[in-house]
Amino acid sequence: QVQLVESGGGLVQAGGSLRLSCAASGSIFSINDMGWYRQAPGKQRELVAAITRGGTTNYVDSVKGRFTISRDNAKNTVYLQMDSLKPEDTAVYYCNVRAVLLSSRRYDFWGQGTQVTVSS
């Protein structure tokens, strides 16, 4: 159906930057919303940023002004540029794609998760 491949996670010191990428492939007719979620130990998974097909974005308050979500529709790829990283940003980050398949059915698809660790 749809495969999502994430990359870009790693270990960075506070104040540093990382850019996450998530590329979708498969029997896709179109992709609507795309987003990034994260889950830290002992906490619920939360929506970090989302972007519509038309480019409208939303962010959780804790990352506003520091993170930027973007997408390349030609490449079926969503990005998360993370600047001024803080230790509290440490989490596993998951991309999410809401896609219409060639069968005309709609599904949410998830990436495998990538670890982001920010040291103080």
C-alpha atoms as a PDB file:
ATOM      1  CA  GLN A   1       0.000   0.000   0.000  1.00  0.00           C
ATOM      2  CA  VAL A   2       2.071   2.900   1.331  1.00  0.00           C
ATOM      3  CA  GLN A   3       5.545   2.856   2.809  1.00  0.00           C
ATOM      4  CA  LEU A   4       7.010   5.719   4.828  1.00  0.00           C
ATOM      5  CA  VAL A   5      10.749   6.034   5.327  1.00  0.00           C
ATOM      6  CA  GLU A   6      11.985   8.447   7.990  1.00  0.00           C
ATOM      7  CA  SER A   7      15.468   9.843   8.352  1.00  0.00           C
ATOM      8  CA  GLY A   8      17.326  12.652  10.076  1.00  0.00           C
ATOM      9  CA  GLY A   9      17.116  11.810  13.762  1.00  0.00           C
ATOM     10  CA  GLY A  10      20.119  11.707  16.019  1.00  0.00           C
ATOM     11  CA  LEU A  11      21.914  13.178  18.993  1.00  0.00           C
ATOM     12  CA  VAL A  12      22.419  16.921  19.211  1.00  0.00           C
ATOM     13  CA  GLN A  13      23.342  19.407  21.910  1.00  0.00           C
ATOM     14  CA  ALA A  14      20.864  21.967  23.173  1.00  0.00           C
ATOM     15  CA  GLY A  15      20.592  24.862  20.758  1.00  0.00           C
ATOM     16  CA  GLY A  16      21.435  22.722  17.765  1.00  0.00           C
ATOM     17  CA  SER A  17      19.373  21.762  14.749  1.00  0.00           C
ATOM     18  CA  LEU A  18      18.105  18.670  12.990  1.00  0.00           C
ATOM     19  CA  ARG A  19      15.961  18.126   9.936  1.00  0.00           C
ATOM     20  CA  LEU A  20      13.678  15.127   9.732  1.00  0.00           C
ATOM     21  CA  SER A  21      12.481  13.757   6.411  1.00  0.00           C
ATOM     22  CA  CYS A  22       9.702  11.308   5.613  1.00  0.00           C
ATOM     23  CA  ALA A  23       9.194  10.012   2.092  1.00  0.00           C
ATOM     24  CA  ALA A  24       6.050   8.162   1.072  1.00  0.00           C
ATOM     25  CA  SER A  25       5.828   5.654  -1.742  1.00  0.00           C
ATOM     26  CA  GLY A  26       3.340   3.102  -2.995  1.00  0.00           C
ATOM     27  CA  SER A  27      -0.040   2.978  -4.689  1.00  0.00           C
ATOM     28  CA  ILE A  28      -0.933   6.558  -3.844  1.00  0.00           C
ATOM     29  CA  PHE A  29      -3.549   8.565  -5.647  1.00  0.00           C
ATOM     30  CA  SER A  30      -3.093  11.671  -3.525  1.00  0.00           C
ATOM     31  CA  ILE A  31      -1.844  12.783  -0.140  1.00  0.00           C
ATOM     32  CA  ASN A  32      -3.846  15.161   1.991  1.00  0.00           C
ATOM     33  CA  ASP A  33      -2.660  16.054   5.499  1.00  0.00           C
ATOM     34  CA  MET A  34       0.856  15.214   6.633  1.00  0.00           C
ATOM     35  CA  GLY A  35       2.276  15.607  10.092  1.00  0.00           C
ATOM     36  CA  TRP A  36       4.838  14.811  12.732  1.00  0.00           C
ATOM     37  CA  TYR A  37       4.078  13.296  16.123  1.00  0.00           C
ATOM     38  CA  ARG A  38       6.406  12.594  19.009  1.00  0.00           C
ATOM     39  CA  GLN A  39       6.344  10.426  22.086  1.00  0.00           C
ATOM     40  CA  ALA A  40       8.635  10.892  25.063  1.00  0.00           C
ATOM     41  CA  PRO A  41       9.058   8.282  27.809  1.00  0.00           C
ATOM     42  CA  GLY A  42       6.077   8.269  30.142  1.00  0.00           C
ATOM     43  CA  LYS A  43       4.082  10.665  27.988  1.00  0.00           C
ATOM     44  CA  GLN A  44       1.317  10.373  25.432  1.00  0.00           C
ATOM     45  CA  ARG A  45       2.031  10.724  21.760  1.00  0.00           C
ATOM     46  CA  GLU A  46       1.373  14.305  20.729  1.00  0.00           C
ATOM     47  CA  LEU A  47       0.958  16.093  17.441  1.00  0.00           C
ATOM     48  CA  VAL A  48       3.950  18.360  16.909  1.00  0.00           C
ATOM     49  CA  ALA A  49       3.170  19.858  13.517  1.00  0.00           C
ATOM     50  CA  ALA A  50       0.783  19.302  10.640  1.00  0.00           C
ATOM     51  CA  ILE A  51       0.515  20.606   7.113  1.00  0.00           C
ATOM     52  CA  THR A  52      -2.312  20.410   4.607  1.00  0.00           C
ATOM     53  CA  ARG A  53      -1.913  19.758   0.912  1.00  0.00           C
ATOM     54  CA  GLY A  54      -2.316  23.481   0.325  1.00  0.00           C
ATOM     55  CA  GLY A  55       0.413  24.370   2.811  1.00  0.00           C
ATOM     56  CA  THR A  56      -1.556  25.459   5.874  1.00  0.00           C
ATOM     57  CA  THR A  57       0.415  24.610   9.016  1.00  0.00           C
ATOM     58  CA  ASN A  58      -0.289  24.076  12.701  1.00  0.00           C
ATOM     59  CA  TYR A  59       2.145  23.596  15.579  1.00  0.00           C
ATOM     60  CA  VAL A  60       1.969  22.618  19.194  1.00  0.00           C
ATOM     61  CA  ASP A  61       2.692  25.699  21.310  1.00  0.00           C
ATOM     62  CA  SER A  62       5.946  24.341  22.706  1.00  0.00           C
ATOM     63  CA  VAL A  63       7.661  24.317  19.289  1.00  0.00           C
ATOM     64  CA  LYS A  64       6.255  27.466  17.713  1.00  0.00           C
ATOM     65  CA  GLY A  65       9.029  29.674  16.418  1.00  0.00           C
ATOM     66  CA  ARG A  66      11.560  26.847  16.547  1.00  0.00           C
ATOM     67  CA  PHE A  67      10.197  24.104  14.271  1.00  0.00           C
ATOM     68  CA  THR A  68       9.073  24.407  10.663  1.00  0.00           C
ATOM     69  CA  ILE A  69       7.081  21.787   8.789  1.00  0.00           C
ATOM     70  CA  SER A  70       7.151  21.741   5.010  1.00  0.00           C
ATOM     71  CA  ARG A  71       6.348  19.370   2.171  1.00  0.00           C
ATOM     72  CA  ASP A  72       7.371  18.613  -1.370  1.00  0.00           C
ATOM     73  CA  ASN A  73       4.294  17.274  -3.106  1.00  0.00           C
ATOM     74  CA  ALA A  74       6.250  16.207  -6.183  1.00  0.00           C
ATOM     75  CA  LYS A  75       8.377  13.931  -3.990  1.00  0.00           C
ATOM     76  CA  ASN A  76       5.618  12.905  -1.545  1.00  0.00           C
ATOM     77  CA  THR A  77       7.905  14.031   1.247  1.00  0.00           C
ATOM     78  CA  VAL A  78       7.325  15.932   4.474  1.00  0.00           C
ATOM     79  CA  TYR A  79      10.083  17.636   6.450  1.00  0.00           C
ATOM     80  CA  LEU A  80      10.469  18.939   9.963  1.00  0.00           C
ATOM     81  CA  GLN A  81      13.194  21.516  10.458  1.00  0.00           C
ATOM     82  CA  MET A  82      14.012  21.697  14.162  1.00  0.00           C
ATOM     83  CA  ASP A  83      16.055  24.648  15.379  1.00  0.00           C
ATOM     84  CA  SER A  84      17.016  25.799  18.870  1.00  0.00           C
ATOM     85  CA  LEU A  85      16.473  22.299  20.171  1.00  0.00           C
ATOM     86  CA  LYS A  86      15.858  21.795  23.879  1.00  0.00           C
ATOM     87  CA  PRO A  87      16.271  18.704  26.053  1.00  0.00           C
ATOM     88  CA  GLU A  88      12.494  18.533  26.397  1.00  0.00           C
ATOM     89  CA  ASP A  89      12.291  17.903  22.642  1.00  0.00           C
ATOM     90  CA  THR A  90      13.840  14.485  23.225  1.00  0.00           C
ATOM     91  CA  ALA A  91      11.411  11.868  21.923  1.00  0.00           C
ATOM     92  CA  VAL A  92      10.733   9.373  19.189  1.00  0.00           C
ATOM     93  CA  TYR A  93       9.324  11.258  16.228  1.00  0.00           C
ATOM     94  CA  TYR A  94       6.818   9.652  13.873  1.00  0.00           C
ATOM     95  CA  CYS A  95       5.587  10.969  10.551  1.00  0.00           C
ATOM     96  CA  ASN A  96       1.969  10.508   9.560  1.00  0.00           C
ATOM     97  CA  VAL A  97       0.448  10.614   6.099  1.00  0.00           C
ATOM     98  CA  ARG A  98      -3.242  10.657   5.268  1.00  0.00           C
ATOM     99  CA  ALA A  99      -3.455   9.253   1.772  1.00  0.00           C
ATOM    100  CA  VAL A 100      -6.039   8.315  -0.803  1.00  0.00           C
ATOM    101  CA  LEU A 101      -4.984   5.081  -2.451  1.00  0.00           C
ATOM    102  CA  LEU A 102      -5.503   4.101  -6.055  1.00  0.00           C
ATOM    103  CA  SER A 103      -8.417   2.013  -4.791  1.00  0.00           C
ATOM    104  CA  SER A 104     -10.035   5.291  -3.633  1.00  0.00           C
ATOM    105  CA  ARG A 105      -9.850   4.201   0.005  1.00  0.00           C
ATOM    106  CA  ARG A 106      -8.411   6.555   2.602  1.00  0.00           C
ATOM    107  CA  TYR A 107      -5.942   5.498   5.300  1.00  0.00           C
ATOM    108  CA  ASP A 108      -3.495   6.945   7.792  1.00  0.00           C
ATOM    109  CA  PHE A 109       0.060   5.644   7.471  1.00  0.00           C
ATOM    110  CA  TRP A 110       2.868   5.904   9.997  1.00  0.00           C
ATOM    111  CA  GLY A 111       6.628   5.988   9.743  1.00  0.00           C
ATOM    112  CA  GLN A 112       8.831   3.675  11.759  1.00  0.00           C
ATOM    113  CA  GLY A 113       9.885   6.416  14.162  1.00  0.00           C
ATOM    114  CA  THR A 114      13.225   8.135  14.560  1.00  0.00           C
ATOM    115  CA  GLN A 115      14.922   8.985  17.849  1.00  0.00           C
ATOM    116  CA  VAL A 116      15.786  12.601  18.571  1.00  0.00           C
ATOM    117  CA  THR A 117      17.943  13.130  21.643  1.00  0.00           C
ATOM    118  CA  VAL A 118      18.914  16.609  22.820  1.00  0.00           C
ATOM    119  CA  SER A 119      21.595  16.824  25.477  1.00  0.00           C
ATOM    120  CA  SER A 120      22.000  19.727  27.879  1.00  0.00           C
END
